[in-house]
């Protein structure tokens, strides 16, 4: 399951337990750890609404491991600077994507926000990019090839 947990609503636990029940081998869930992703510059400084929503809708990786049972390993999956994927986590290296409607529309994070919130975020990021404020706060990210934006791989082997 790749970045689907937040779409499962109240059936998350039941769905994860069903994955484990029917799988004869490993179950692999790639998900978001909202405790980590909420610290990314975008959610921390501009879009706290997504950070709060993610804390409510993404189960913690440790909870997924509990639901899966068996032997479970949780691995951080750093997001490469040059990833072609447009998940919200890929924006860590590309603040200009906030200004691109196509990029915003490719993420469920922005899709779940009201037009007023999106307009506020776009205006603020555009202002901070233009003024150099974004670089002052986040310029160290330019030197990174990859970043831990909260992407997690939960790998469970049956007991």
C-alpha atoms as a PDB file:
ATOM      1  CA  UNK A   1       0.000   0.000   0.000  1.00  0.00           C
ATOM      2  CA  UNK A   2       1.678   3.222  -1.124  1.00  0.00           C
ATOM      3  CA  UNK A   3       0.503   6.479   0.476  1.00  0.00           C
ATOM      4  CA  UNK A   4      -3.104   5.340   0.754  1.00  0.00           C
ATOM      5  CA  UNK A   5      -3.699   5.161   4.506  1.00  0.00           C
ATOM      6  CA  UNK A   6      -5.096   8.687   4.748  1.00  0.00           C
ATOM      7  CA  UNK A   7      -7.841   7.737   2.275  1.00  0.00           C
ATOM      8  CA  UNK A   8      -9.061   4.747   4.314  1.00  0.00           C
ATOM      9  CA  UNK A   9     -10.968   6.883   6.828  1.00  0.00           C
ATOM     10  CA  UNK A  10     -12.207   4.942   9.853  1.00  0.00           C
ATOM     11  CA  UNK A  11     -11.434   1.568   8.243  1.00  0.00           C
ATOM     12  CA  UNK A  12      -7.662   1.857   8.658  1.00  0.00           C
ATOM     13  CA  UNK A  13      -7.174  -0.705  11.383  1.00  0.00           C
ATOM     14  CA  UNK A  14      -9.557  -3.181   9.788  1.00  0.00           C
ATOM     15  CA  UNK A  15      -7.890  -2.743   6.388  1.00  0.00           C
ATOM     16  CA  UNK A  16      -4.370  -3.210   7.736  1.00  0.00           C
ATOM     17  CA  UNK A  17      -5.378  -6.308   9.677  1.00  0.00           C
ATOM     18  CA  UNK A  18      -7.006  -7.665   6.505  1.00  0.00           C
ATOM     19  CA  UNK A  19      -3.789  -7.065   4.538  1.00  0.00           C
ATOM     20  CA  UNK A  20      -1.916  -9.136   7.109  1.00  0.00           C
ATOM     21  CA  UNK A  21      -4.603 -11.839   7.150  1.00  0.00           C
ATOM     22  CA  UNK A  22      -4.648 -12.429   3.390  1.00  0.00           C
ATOM     23  CA  UNK A  23      -0.946 -11.937   2.628  1.00  0.00           C
ATOM     24  CA  UNK A  24       1.142 -15.076   2.595  1.00  0.00           C
ATOM     25  CA  UNK A  25       4.375 -13.093   2.649  1.00  0.00           C
ATOM     26  CA  UNK A  26       5.467  -9.630   3.604  1.00  0.00           C
ATOM     27  CA  UNK A  27       3.078  -6.712   3.870  1.00  0.00           C
ATOM     28  CA  UNK A  28       4.682  -3.403   2.927  1.00  0.00           C
ATOM     29  CA  UNK A  29       3.002  -0.104   3.677  1.00  0.00           C
ATOM     30  CA  UNK A  30       4.590   3.156   2.567  1.00  0.00           C
ATOM     31  CA  UNK A  31       3.071   5.931   4.595  1.00  0.00           C
ATOM     32  CA  UNK A  32       3.717   9.275   6.196  1.00  0.00           C
ATOM     33  CA  UNK A  33       4.831   9.834   9.762  1.00  0.00           C
ATOM     34  CA  UNK A  34       2.991  13.061  10.588  1.00  0.00           C
ATOM     35  CA  UNK A  35       5.257  13.740  13.568  1.00  0.00           C
ATOM     36  CA  UNK A  36       8.149  14.142  11.113  1.00  0.00           C
ATOM     37  CA  UNK A  37       6.380  15.586   8.065  1.00  0.00           C
ATOM     38  CA  UNK A  38       4.785  18.293  10.211  1.00  0.00           C
ATOM     39  CA  UNK A  39       8.270  19.700  10.839  1.00  0.00           C
ATOM     40  CA  UNK A  40       8.998  20.269   7.133  1.00  0.00           C
ATOM     41  CA  UNK A  41       9.198  23.994   6.311  1.00  0.00           C
ATOM     42  CA  UNK A  42       5.972  23.934   4.280  1.00  0.00           C
ATOM     43  CA  UNK A  43       3.774  22.562   7.047  1.00  0.00           C
ATOM     44  CA  UNK A  44       5.648  24.215   9.895  1.00  0.00           C
ATOM     45  CA  UNK A  45       5.756  27.750   8.464  1.00  0.00           C
ATOM     46  CA  UNK A  46       2.988  27.992   5.885  1.00  0.00           C
ATOM     47  CA  UNK A  47       0.501  25.130   5.979  1.00  0.00           C
ATOM     48  CA  UNK A  48      -0.092  24.033   9.581  1.00  0.00           C
ATOM     49  CA  UNK A  49      -3.598  22.955   8.568  1.00  0.00           C
ATOM     50  CA  UNK A  50      -2.144  20.012   6.643  1.00  0.00           C
ATOM     51  CA  UNK A  51       0.162  19.107   9.530  1.00  0.00           C
ATOM     52  CA  UNK A  52      -2.823  19.044  11.889  1.00  0.00           C
ATOM     53  CA  UNK A  53      -4.973  17.077   9.457  1.00  0.00           C
ATOM     54  CA  UNK A  54      -2.163  14.570   8.867  1.00  0.00           C
ATOM     55  CA  UNK A  55      -1.807  14.018  12.623  1.00  0.00           C
ATOM     56  CA  UNK A  56      -5.489  13.056  12.676  1.00  0.00           C
ATOM     57  CA  UNK A  57      -5.654  10.863   9.558  1.00  0.00           C
ATOM     58  CA  UNK A  58      -2.274   9.104   9.298  1.00  0.00           C
ATOM     59  CA  UNK A  59      -1.781   6.372  11.887  1.00  0.00           C
ATOM     60  CA  UNK A  60       1.660   6.480  13.468  1.00  0.00           C
ATOM     61  CA  UNK A  61       4.003   3.877  11.952  1.00  0.00           C
ATOM     62  CA  UNK A  62       4.282   2.175  15.355  1.00  0.00           C
ATOM     63  CA  UNK A  63       0.497   1.756  15.410  1.00  0.00           C
ATOM     64  CA  UNK A  64       0.589   0.189  11.936  1.00  0.00           C
ATOM     65  CA  UNK A  65       3.234  -2.227  13.230  1.00  0.00           C
ATOM     66  CA  UNK A  66       0.956  -3.120  16.138  1.00  0.00           C
ATOM     67  CA  UNK A  67      -1.986  -3.762  13.807  1.00  0.00           C
ATOM     68  CA  UNK A  68       0.179  -5.898  11.519  1.00  0.00           C
ATOM     69  CA  UNK A  69       1.693  -8.014  14.260  1.00  0.00           C
ATOM     70  CA  UNK A  70       4.442 -10.449  13.403  1.00  0.00           C
ATOM     71  CA  UNK A  71       7.922  -9.109  12.864  1.00  0.00           C
ATOM     72  CA  UNK A  72       7.757  -5.518  11.702  1.00  0.00           C
ATOM     73  CA  UNK A  73      10.480  -3.084  10.704  1.00  0.00           C
ATOM     74  CA  UNK A  74       9.938   0.634  10.132  1.00  0.00           C
ATOM     75  CA  UNK A  75      12.398   2.355   7.807  1.00  0.00           C
ATOM     76  CA  UNK A  76      12.759   6.025   6.957  1.00  0.00           C
ATOM     77  CA  UNK A  77      12.664   6.652   3.200  1.00  0.00           C
ATOM     78  CA  UNK A  78      14.506   9.878   2.403  1.00  0.00           C
ATOM     79  CA  UNK A  79      12.949  11.858  -0.447  1.00  0.00           C
ATOM     80  CA  UNK A  80      15.522  12.613  -3.150  1.00  0.00           C
ATOM     81  CA  UNK A  81      15.883  16.201  -4.321  1.00  0.00           C
ATOM     82  CA  UNK A  82      15.401  15.119  -7.933  1.00  0.00           C
ATOM     83  CA  UNK A  83      12.395  12.864  -7.365  1.00  0.00           C
ATOM     84  CA  UNK A  84       9.898  13.174 -10.205  1.00  0.00           C
ATOM     85  CA  UNK A  85       7.102  12.453  -7.734  1.00  0.00           C
ATOM     86  CA  UNK A  86       4.953  15.407  -6.694  1.00  0.00           C
ATOM     87  CA  UNK A  87       3.814  14.235  -3.279  1.00  0.00           C
ATOM     88  CA  UNK A  88       3.722  17.055  -0.766  1.00  0.00           C
ATOM     89  CA  UNK A  89       6.854  15.585   0.817  1.00  0.00           C
ATOM     90  CA  UNK A  90       8.788  16.245  -2.408  1.00  0.00           C
ATOM     91  CA  UNK A  91       8.229  19.980  -1.988  1.00  0.00           C
ATOM     92  CA  UNK A  92      11.010  20.041   0.650  1.00  0.00           C
ATOM     93  CA  UNK A  93      13.518  20.884  -2.095  1.00  0.00           C
ATOM     94  CA  UNK A  94      11.211  22.786  -4.413  1.00  0.00           C
ATOM     95  CA  UNK A  95       9.359  25.685  -2.802  1.00  0.00           C
ATOM     96  CA  UNK A  96       8.523  26.922  -6.288  1.00  0.00           C
ATOM     97  CA  UNK A  97       6.143  23.961  -6.609  1.00  0.00           C
ATOM     98  CA  UNK A  98       3.841  25.732  -4.168  1.00  0.00           C
ATOM     99  CA  UNK A  99       3.389  28.371  -6.875  1.00  0.00           C
ATOM    100  CA  UNK A 100       2.599  25.784  -9.569  1.00  0.00           C
ATOM    101  CA  UNK A 101      -1.102  24.911  -9.637  1.00  0.00           C
ATOM    102  CA  UNK A 102      -0.401  21.587 -11.379  1.00  0.00           C
ATOM    103  CA  UNK A 103       2.029  20.589  -8.611  1.00  0.00           C
ATOM    104  CA  UNK A 104      -0.396  21.655  -5.882  1.00  0.00           C
ATOM    105  CA  UNK A 105      -3.230  19.751  -7.555  1.00  0.00           C
ATOM    106  CA  UNK A 106      -1.105  16.588  -7.597  1.00  0.00           C
ATOM    107  CA  UNK A 107      -1.104  16.461  -3.792  1.00  0.00           C
ATOM    108  CA  UNK A 108      -3.929  15.428  -1.521  1.00  0.00           C
ATOM    109  CA  UNK A 109      -2.559  17.870   1.063  1.00  0.00           C
ATOM    110  CA  UNK A 110      -3.457  20.892  -1.030  1.00  0.00           C
ATOM    111  CA  UNK A 111      -6.583  19.200  -2.427  1.00  0.00           C
ATOM    112  CA  UNK A 112      -7.998  18.977   1.094  1.00  0.00           C
ATOM    113  CA  UNK A 113      -7.568  22.706   1.754  1.00  0.00           C
ATOM    114  CA  UNK A 114      -9.986  25.538   1.052  1.00  0.00           C
ATOM    115  CA  UNK A 115      -9.212  28.053  -1.714  1.00  0.00           C
ATOM    116  CA  UNK A 116      -8.624  30.716   0.961  1.00  0.00           C
ATOM    117  CA  UNK A 117      -5.928  28.617   2.660  1.00  0.00           C
ATOM    118  CA  UNK A 118      -4.258  27.835  -0.669  1.00  0.00           C
ATOM    119  CA  UNK A 119      -4.265  31.505  -1.664  1.00  0.00           C
ATOM    120  CA  UNK A 120      -2.737  32.468   1.702  1.00  0.00           C
ATOM    121  CA  UNK A 121       0.022  29.863   1.361  1.00  0.00           C
ATOM    122  CA  UNK A 122       0.840  30.698  -2.266  1.00  0.00           C
ATOM    123  CA  UNK A 123       1.001  34.416  -1.475  1.00  0.00           C
ATOM    124  CA  UNK A 124       3.266  33.880   1.545  1.00  0.00           C
ATOM    125  CA  UNK A 125       5.658  31.466  -0.210  1.00  0.00           C
ATOM    126  CA  UNK A 126       5.856  33.720  -3.276  1.00  0.00           C
ATOM    127  CA  UNK A 127       6.598  36.735  -1.056  1.00  0.00           C
ATOM    128  CA  UNK A 128       9.270  34.860   0.917  1.00  0.00           C
ATOM    129  CA  UNK A 129      10.939  33.484  -2.208  1.00  0.00           C
ATOM    130  CA  UNK A 130      11.036  36.932  -3.756  1.00  0.00           C
ATOM    131  CA  UNK A 131      12.393  38.623  -0.619  1.00  0.00           C
ATOM    132  CA  UNK A 132      14.957  35.918   0.163  1.00  0.00           C
ATOM    133  CA  UNK A 133      13.257  35.085   3.473  1.00  0.00           C
ATOM    134  CA  UNK A 134      12.673  31.482   2.402  1.00  0.00           C
ATOM    135  CA  UNK A 135      16.390  31.068   1.655  1.00  0.00           C
ATOM    136  CA  UNK A 136      17.353  32.751   4.918  1.00  0.00           C
ATOM    137  CA  UNK A 137      15.260  30.243   6.886  1.00  0.00           C
ATOM    138  CA  UNK A 138      15.718  27.143   4.724  1.00  0.00           C
ATOM    139  CA  UNK A 139      18.801  27.720   2.575  1.00  0.00           C
ATOM    140  CA  UNK A 140      20.647  24.790   4.156  1.00  0.00           C
ATOM    141  CA  UNK A 141      18.280  22.488   2.271  1.00  0.00           C
ATOM    142  CA  UNK A 142      19.921  23.505  -1.024  1.00  0.00           C
ATOM    143  CA  UNK A 143      22.968  21.409  -0.108  1.00  0.00           C
ATOM    144  CA  UNK A 144      21.031  18.205   0.535  1.00  0.00           C
ATOM    145  CA  UNK A 145      20.587  15.405  -2.011  1.00  0.00           C
ATOM    146  CA  UNK A 146      17.781  13.845   0.054  1.00  0.00           C
ATOM    147  CA  UNK A 147      15.696  14.727   3.096  1.00  0.00           C
ATOM    148  CA  UNK A 148      13.664  12.880   5.691  1.00  0.00           C
ATOM    149  CA  UNK A 149      10.240  14.413   5.059  1.00  0.00           C
ATOM    150  CA  UNK A 150       8.448  11.715   7.033  1.00  0.00           C
ATOM    151  CA  UNK A 151       8.056   9.013   4.389  1.00  0.00           C
ATOM    152  CA  UNK A 152       8.108   5.611   6.110  1.00  0.00           C
ATOM    153  CA  UNK A 153       8.152   2.035   4.906  1.00  0.00           C
ATOM    154  CA  UNK A 154       6.514  -0.409   7.300  1.00  0.00           C
ATOM    155  CA  UNK A 155       7.534  -3.983   6.444  1.00  0.00           C
ATOM    156  CA  UNK A 156       5.811  -6.839   8.219  1.00  0.00           C
ATOM    157  CA  UNK A 157       6.542 -10.549   8.019  1.00  0.00           C
ATOM    158  CA  UNK A 158       3.883 -12.934   9.263  1.00  0.00           C
ATOM    159  CA  UNK A 159       4.352 -14.395  12.735  1.00  0.00           C
END
